[in-house]
Amino acid sequence: MTSNFFCDIRLDVKIIKAGREFELSLRLGYEQMSKKPRFISIKLTEESRANLLQAIPPLYENVFADHVTLRYKANEIDVNIFQALKEKITKIDLRVFGYASNEKGQAVCVVYVGEIDGKQIFLPPTNNKVPHITISCADGVKPVYSNELLEDADNILRIDDLHLEGNLEIE
């Protein structure tokens, strides 16, 4: 059951400036969506995570190397689409094609494709500019920093022949 409600606030303000009156009416609204999951990702299998960390050892103490974020704060439509895909997809193949690091963090760039009944399907794209897996971050740096790291294509080094597997996760 979905528990949606809408809260509506109307704010009327009268501004007097240089002897002239201005009226401003502002309507603020907030809709609470159901408490469905909001984080959608491709979670690496344990074997793939181990292979990734063996191929690209972490540079920093905060190690992640476990998922590709597809949606952060997903809306109802995205949750429903990915839930339907999760029920059909038998596996997801990921291919690492690039690597970047600096004094704040390290990440790999990936492409991914799902499989249903032995046929490859393209999954909806991530909301990030570059689909990636954050490997590790320096102290005080959040994994979301990988988006900034990968914005500059000159930072990305090419990688060949690193294939991983994962599963669609909705949290």
C-alpha atoms as a PDB file:
ATOM      1  CA  MET A   1       0.000   0.000   0.000  1.00  0.00           C
ATOM      2  CA  THR A   2       1.309   3.430  -0.923  1.00  0.00           C
ATOM      3  CA  SER A   3       1.006   6.126   1.712  1.00  0.00           C
ATOM      4  CA  ASN A   4       1.140   9.392  -0.188  1.00  0.00           C
ATOM      5  CA  PHE A   5       0.149  12.688   1.322  1.00  0.00           C
ATOM      6  CA  PHE A   6       0.543  16.250   0.203  1.00  0.00           C
ATOM      7  CA  CYS A   7       1.262  19.149   2.498  1.00  0.00           C
ATOM      8  CA  ASP A   8       0.493  22.565   1.034  1.00  0.00           C
ATOM      9  CA  ILE A   9       1.670  25.835   2.579  1.00  0.00           C
ATOM     10  CA  ARG A  10       0.749  29.220   1.192  1.00  0.00           C
ATOM     11  CA  LEU A  11       2.808  32.219   2.207  1.00  0.00           C
ATOM     12  CA  ASP A  12       1.561  35.730   1.482  1.00  0.00           C
ATOM     13  CA  VAL A  13       4.072  38.527   1.940  1.00  0.00           C
ATOM     14  CA  LYS A  14       3.662  42.273   1.529  1.00  0.00           C
ATOM     15  CA  ILE A  15       6.874  44.137   0.732  1.00  0.00           C
ATOM     16  CA  ILE A  16       7.143  47.895   0.985  1.00  0.00           C
ATOM     17  CA  LYS A  17      10.056  49.346  -0.936  1.00  0.00           C
ATOM     18  CA  ALA A  18      10.558  53.021  -1.769  1.00  0.00           C
ATOM     19  CA  GLY A  19       6.963  53.781  -0.817  1.00  0.00           C
ATOM     20  CA  ARG A  20       5.542  51.144  -3.184  1.00  0.00           C
ATOM     21  CA  GLU A  21       3.828  47.968  -2.081  1.00  0.00           C
ATOM     22  CA  PHE A  22       4.496  44.606  -3.676  1.00  0.00           C
ATOM     23  CA  GLU A  23       2.626  41.438  -2.890  1.00  0.00           C
ATOM     24  CA  LEU A  24       4.223  38.072  -3.144  1.00  0.00           C
ATOM     25  CA  SER A  25       2.394  34.804  -2.866  1.00  0.00           C
ATOM     26  CA  LEU A  26       4.418  31.642  -2.577  1.00  0.00           C
ATOM     27  CA  ARG A  27       3.082  28.110  -2.538  1.00  0.00           C
ATOM     28  CA  LEU A  28       5.263  25.422  -1.067  1.00  0.00           C
ATOM     29  CA  GLY A  29       4.378  21.798  -1.500  1.00  0.00           C
ATOM     30  CA  TYR A  30       5.819  18.563  -0.256  1.00  0.00           C
ATOM     31  CA  GLU A  31       4.713  15.112  -1.222  1.00  0.00           C
ATOM     32  CA  GLN A  32       5.824  12.123   0.813  1.00  0.00           C
ATOM     33  CA  MET A  33       6.278   9.135  -1.383  1.00  0.00           C
ATOM     34  CA  SER A  34       5.876   5.618  -0.115  1.00  0.00           C
ATOM     35  CA  LYS A  35       8.750   4.167   1.842  1.00  0.00           C
ATOM     36  CA  LYS A  36       9.994   2.127  -1.082  1.00  0.00           C
ATOM     37  CA  PRO A  37      13.713   1.587  -1.714  1.00  0.00           C
ATOM     38  CA  ARG A  38      15.660   4.533  -3.016  1.00  0.00           C
ATOM     39  CA  PHE A  39      19.105   3.131  -3.892  1.00  0.00           C
ATOM     40  CA  ILE A  40      19.488   1.002  -7.027  1.00  0.00           C
ATOM     41  CA  SER A  41      22.822  -0.539  -7.956  1.00  0.00           C
ATOM     42  CA  ILE A  42      24.657  -3.405  -9.594  1.00  0.00           C
ATOM     43  CA  LYS A  43      26.287  -5.206  -6.689  1.00  0.00           C
ATOM     44  CA  LEU A  44      29.394  -7.181  -7.585  1.00  0.00           C
ATOM     45  CA  THR A  45      29.526 -10.869  -6.734  1.00  0.00           C
ATOM     46  CA  GLU A  46      32.065 -11.716  -4.023  1.00  0.00           C
ATOM     47  CA  GLU A  47      34.287 -13.394  -6.612  1.00  0.00           C
ATOM     48  CA  SER A  48      34.174 -10.336  -8.907  1.00  0.00           C
ATOM     49  CA  ARG A  49      34.956  -7.990  -6.010  1.00  0.00           C
ATOM     50  CA  ALA A  50      37.976 -10.121  -5.098  1.00  0.00           C
ATOM     51  CA  ASN A  51      39.122 -10.140  -8.752  1.00  0.00           C
ATOM     52  CA  LEU A  52      38.733  -6.361  -8.991  1.00  0.00           C
ATOM     53  CA  LEU A  53      40.742  -5.746  -5.808  1.00  0.00           C
ATOM     54  CA  GLN A  54      43.443  -8.159  -6.975  1.00  0.00           C
ATOM     55  CA  ALA A  55      43.707  -6.423 -10.362  1.00  0.00           C
ATOM     56  CA  ILE A  56      43.553  -2.922  -8.851  1.00  0.00           C
ATOM     57  CA  PRO A  57      44.777  -2.844  -5.248  1.00  0.00           C
ATOM     58  CA  PRO A  58      43.268  -0.073  -3.107  1.00  0.00           C
ATOM     59  CA  LEU A  59      45.436   3.001  -2.589  1.00  0.00           C
ATOM     60  CA  TYR A  60      43.508   4.247   0.439  1.00  0.00           C
ATOM     61  CA  GLU A  61      42.190   2.828   3.696  1.00  0.00           C
ATOM     62  CA  ASN A  62      38.479   3.360   2.895  1.00  0.00           C
ATOM     63  CA  VAL A  63      37.795   0.500   0.477  1.00  0.00           C
ATOM     64  CA  PHE A  64      34.480   0.142  -1.372  1.00  0.00           C
ATOM     65  CA  ALA A  65      34.820  -1.725  -4.710  1.00  0.00           C
ATOM     66  CA  ASP A  66      31.421  -3.390  -4.488  1.00  0.00           C
ATOM     67  CA  HIS A  67      28.834  -1.704  -6.728  1.00  0.00           C
ATOM     68  CA  VAL A  68      27.875   0.571  -9.613  1.00  0.00           C
ATOM     69  CA  THR A  69      25.262   3.127  -8.570  1.00  0.00           C
ATOM     70  CA  LEU A  70      22.383   3.228 -11.050  1.00  0.00           C
ATOM     71  CA  ARG A  71      20.020   5.478  -9.090  1.00  0.00           C
ATOM     72  CA  TYR A  72      20.467   7.409  -5.865  1.00  0.00           C
ATOM     73  CA  LYS A  73      17.189   8.619  -4.344  1.00  0.00           C
ATOM     74  CA  ALA A  74      15.271   6.803  -7.063  1.00  0.00           C
ATOM     75  CA  ASN A  75      11.711   7.841  -7.826  1.00  0.00           C
ATOM     76  CA  GLU A  76       8.719   5.472  -7.873  1.00  0.00           C
ATOM     77  CA  ILE A  77       8.912   4.919 -11.628  1.00  0.00           C
ATOM     78  CA  ASP A  78      12.592   3.929 -11.503  1.00  0.00           C
ATOM     79  CA  VAL A  79      11.967   1.584  -8.585  1.00  0.00           C
ATOM     80  CA  ASN A  80       9.151  -0.130 -10.488  1.00  0.00           C
ATOM     81  CA  ILE A  81      11.188  -0.443 -13.715  1.00  0.00           C
ATOM     82  CA  PHE A  82      14.225  -1.884 -11.966  1.00  0.00           C
ATOM     83  CA  GLN A  83      12.096  -4.198  -9.822  1.00  0.00           C
ATOM     84  CA  ALA A  84      10.549  -5.662 -12.994  1.00  0.00           C
ATOM     85  CA  LEU A  85      14.029  -6.072 -14.524  1.00  0.00           C
ATOM     86  CA  LYS A  86      15.385  -7.702 -11.365  1.00  0.00           C
ATOM     87  CA  GLU A  87      12.737 -10.403 -11.591  1.00  0.00           C
ATOM     88  CA  LYS A  88      13.808 -11.296 -15.166  1.00  0.00           C
ATOM     89  CA  ILE A  89      17.571 -10.718 -15.308  1.00  0.00           C
ATOM     90  CA  THR A  90      19.675 -13.842 -14.815  1.00  0.00           C
ATOM     91  CA  LYS A  91      23.045 -12.050 -14.687  1.00  0.00           C
ATOM     92  CA  ILE A  92      24.801  -8.763 -15.344  1.00  0.00           C
ATOM     93  CA  ASP A  93      28.192  -8.607 -17.031  1.00  0.00           C
ATOM     94  CA  LEU A  94      30.445  -5.624 -16.412  1.00  0.00           C
ATOM     95  CA  ARG A  95      33.569  -4.746 -18.366  1.00  0.00           C
ATOM     96  CA  VAL A  96      36.136  -2.417 -16.837  1.00  0.00           C
ATOM     97  CA  PHE A  97      37.567  -0.128 -19.514  1.00  0.00           C
ATOM     98  CA  GLY A  98      39.264   2.666 -17.572  1.00  0.00           C
ATOM     99  CA  TYR A  99      40.968   3.613 -14.324  1.00  0.00           C
ATOM    100  CA  ALA A 100      41.623   6.934 -12.574  1.00  0.00           C
ATOM    101  CA  SER A 101      43.204   7.962  -9.290  1.00  0.00           C
ATOM    102  CA  ASN A 102      44.537  11.006  -7.498  1.00  0.00           C
ATOM    103  CA  GLU A 103      45.281  12.093  -3.926  1.00  0.00           C
ATOM    104  CA  LYS A 104      41.597  11.765  -2.947  1.00  0.00           C
ATOM    105  CA  GLY A 105      40.426   8.512  -4.480  1.00  0.00           C
ATOM    106  CA  GLN A 106      40.448   5.884  -7.163  1.00  0.00           C
ATOM    107  CA  ALA A 107      37.757   4.425  -9.408  1.00  0.00           C
ATOM    108  CA  VAL A 108      37.237   2.284 -12.492  1.00  0.00           C
ATOM    109  CA  CYS A 109      34.927   3.044 -15.427  1.00  0.00           C
ATOM    110  CA  VAL A 110      32.589   0.265 -16.533  1.00  0.00           C
ATOM    111  CA  VAL A 111      30.051  -0.687 -19.146  1.00  0.00           C
ATOM    112  CA  TYR A 112      27.373  -3.219 -18.272  1.00  0.00           C
ATOM    113  CA  VAL A 113      24.806  -5.409 -19.970  1.00  0.00           C
ATOM    114  CA  GLY A 114      22.147  -7.695 -18.525  1.00  0.00           C
ATOM    115  CA  GLU A 115      21.026 -11.121 -19.635  1.00  0.00           C
ATOM    116  CA  ILE A 116      17.487 -12.491 -19.841  1.00  0.00           C
ATOM    117  CA  ASP A 117      16.911 -16.026 -21.117  1.00  0.00           C
ATOM    118  CA  GLY A 118      20.393 -16.115 -22.672  1.00  0.00           C
ATOM    119  CA  LYS A 119      19.880 -12.844 -24.561  1.00  0.00           C
ATOM    120  CA  GLN A 120      21.769  -9.668 -23.799  1.00  0.00           C
ATOM    121  CA  ILE A 121      19.743  -6.577 -22.955  1.00  0.00           C
ATOM    122  CA  PHE A 122      20.827  -3.026 -22.304  1.00  0.00           C
ATOM    123  CA  LEU A 123      19.937  -1.850 -18.825  1.00  0.00           C
ATOM    124  CA  PRO A 124      18.832   1.725 -18.205  1.00  0.00           C
ATOM    125  CA  PRO A 125      21.846   4.013 -17.864  1.00  0.00           C
ATOM    126  CA  THR A 126      23.168   5.272 -14.548  1.00  0.00           C
ATOM    127  CA  ASN A 127      22.393   8.843 -13.547  1.00  0.00           C
ATOM    128  CA  ASN A 128      26.136   9.474 -13.264  1.00  0.00           C
ATOM    129  CA  LYS A 129      27.995  10.863 -16.266  1.00  0.00           C
ATOM    130  CA  VAL A 130      30.432   7.946 -16.176  1.00  0.00           C
ATOM    131  CA  PRO A 131      29.314   4.522 -14.932  1.00  0.00           C
ATOM    132  CA  HIS A 132      31.943   3.484 -12.386  1.00  0.00           C
ATOM    133  CA  ILE A 133      32.955   1.558  -9.304  1.00  0.00           C
ATOM    134  CA  THR A 134      34.699   3.481  -6.535  1.00  0.00           C
ATOM    135  CA  ILE A 135      37.698   1.437  -5.396  1.00  0.00           C
ATOM    136  CA  SER A 136      38.900   3.489  -2.414  1.00  0.00           C
ATOM    137  CA  CYS A 137      38.966   6.994  -0.946  1.00  0.00           C
ATOM    138  CA  ALA A 138      41.307   8.918   1.338  1.00  0.00           C
ATOM    139  CA  ASP A 139      40.122   9.798   4.851  1.00  0.00           C
ATOM    140  CA  GLY A 140      37.408  12.429   4.814  1.00  0.00           C
ATOM    141  CA  VAL A 141      36.518  11.791   1.156  1.00  0.00           C
ATOM    142  CA  LYS A 142      33.139  10.260   0.317  1.00  0.00           C
ATOM    143  CA  PRO A 143      32.757   7.696  -2.479  1.00  0.00           C
ATOM    144  CA  VAL A 144      30.623  10.144  -4.483  1.00  0.00           C
ATOM    145  CA  TYR A 145      33.902  11.971  -5.189  1.00  0.00           C
ATOM    146  CA  SER A 146      34.535   9.431  -7.974  1.00  0.00           C
ATOM    147  CA  ASN A 147      32.059  11.369 -10.132  1.00  0.00           C
ATOM    148  CA  GLU A 148      34.304  14.437  -9.946  1.00  0.00           C
ATOM    149  CA  LEU A 149      37.456  12.374 -10.473  1.00  0.00           C
ATOM    150  CA  LEU A 150      36.076  10.865 -13.683  1.00  0.00           C
ATOM    151  CA  GLU A 151      34.688  14.094 -15.182  1.00  0.00           C
ATOM    152  CA  ASP A 152      38.037  14.823 -16.836  1.00  0.00           C
ATOM    153  CA  ALA A 153      38.668  12.156 -19.490  1.00  0.00           C
ATOM    154  CA  ASP A 154      42.405  12.967 -19.391  1.00  0.00           C
ATOM    155  CA  ASN A 155      42.494  11.352 -15.922  1.00  0.00           C
ATOM    156  CA  ILE A 156      41.272   8.002 -17.254  1.00  0.00           C
ATOM    157  CA  LEU A 157      43.766   5.305 -18.221  1.00  0.00           C
ATOM    158  CA  ARG A 158      42.621   2.479 -20.496  1.00  0.00           C
ATOM    159  CA  ILE A 159      42.245  -1.040 -19.063  1.00  0.00           C
ATOM    160  CA  ASP A 160      41.681  -4.202 -21.084  1.00  0.00           C
ATOM    161  CA  ASP A 161      40.312  -7.623 -20.214  1.00  0.00           C
ATOM    162  CA  LEU A 162      38.827  -7.142 -16.770  1.00  0.00           C
ATOM    163  CA  HIS A 163      35.362  -8.682 -16.708  1.00  0.00           C
ATOM    164  CA  LEU A 164      33.117  -8.751 -13.643  1.00  0.00           C
ATOM    165  CA  GLU A 165      29.649 -10.019 -12.731  1.00  0.00           C
ATOM    166  CA  GLY A 166      26.985  -8.499 -10.550  1.00  0.00           C
ATOM    167  CA  ASN A 167      23.365  -8.552  -9.542  1.00  0.00           C
ATOM    168  CA  LEU A 168      20.723  -5.871  -9.538  1.00  0.00           C
ATOM    169  CA  GLU A 169      20.095  -4.585  -5.997  1.00  0.00           C
ATOM    170  CA  ILE A 170      17.274  -2.356  -4.808  1.00  0.00           C
ATOM    171  CA  GLU A 171      17.659  -1.015  -1.276  1.00  0.00           C
END
